Amino acid sequence: MKIEPVDWRVHDEWAALQAVMVGTGLGMGDAPSLEDTFDPQSRQHVLNNTYPTELQVSNELDRLVAVLESRDIRVLRPDLVGMNQVFTRDIGLVIDDRFILTHMVEDRVKEQAGLKSMLHRNPGTVLTAPAEVQMEGGDIMPMPGEIWVGFAKNLDFESYTTARTNEAALDWLQEQFPDRKVRGFELQKSDKDPSKNALHLDCCLAPLGLGHLMYHPSGFKNPDDVDWIRATYPEEMRLELSSNEMEQMHGNVLSIAPDTVISSVGFDRTHKQMKRWGYQVITVDLRETAKMGGLLRCSTMPLRRNLPTS
């Protein structure tokens, strides 16, 4: 059966979603060894013998696919390459009408082979950063007129496995998108304590489509960034997340429309606040997938959204 290409188009984090690539648990295999974990959340569950199975993760992501398809959102899955391909957000992203093939930590580069069929079908522009630019999609957020980027400066980037996007990525993205302002947020890193590690920007910051934002202040290394957030978003428009809520990724949501988000089950405080703000909150049980260090935004790669309404 012929699979039609997707006309790439993503201008922000929340315009109505038309097409998305969702990760898969198929091929992820058994739990990794402690030495092969890339983040403190996974490390913790390997130590506790609570790391999820391939079947558990596959079932959870399939349920997410069913929810998306019930909303008439086209869902693609990566080509199977026999390894962990759960978190598609990190391996690439769309900004405007261009696809960015990210530059990942060495142990994850092979995941990008799962994009081969999709990239072959699509005639659009693919940008590939030079070797000195390191970045993952979880750190990059297209915003109106801007691109927000979580990053680590050189010392932290060389010291922590959890540092995934370097400072050079800011300059490279600015060169590729001169009509947008690239705004960097330096993140706190820890290889062993998940409550003190902002693995990606989307672990500690969640802008929403009606002008609201959820954030964890201690996820940011630079106090000026927190001051900017508080100055930009009035108190009634923002929700501060605790270290435990960041660790459990309560803010790692997927916006499928300006007023509609998908979140994992059990996050009562954030769900109640988003509903008070006027959002429809759709819940999907991804509690096993979360043990691998990611949730709704991490496991999805938006390929096409509606044009912004304003």
Foldseek 3Di string as FASTA:
>chain_A
DDDAADQFADQFQFFAFAEKEFEALPLAADQDDLVPALAQLSNVCVVVVNADDSVLQRVQSVVVVVVCVVVNHHYDYFDDDRHGGQFVQFQWADHGREIEGFAWDPVCPVSNNSCVVNVVNDPTHYDYDDPVWFGTRLQWTRHNQAIEGEAAEDVVCVVGSLGTGYPVNQVVVCVVCVSHHYHYFYFFDDRHDLLQHPSHPQLAWAAALVGAIEGACSRTPDNVVVVVVCVRRPPLRYHYDHSVCSSLSQRNWGHNHRQEIEGEPDSVVVVVSSVVVRHHYHYGHPNSVCSSPHDHSRRMHRRDGDDDPD
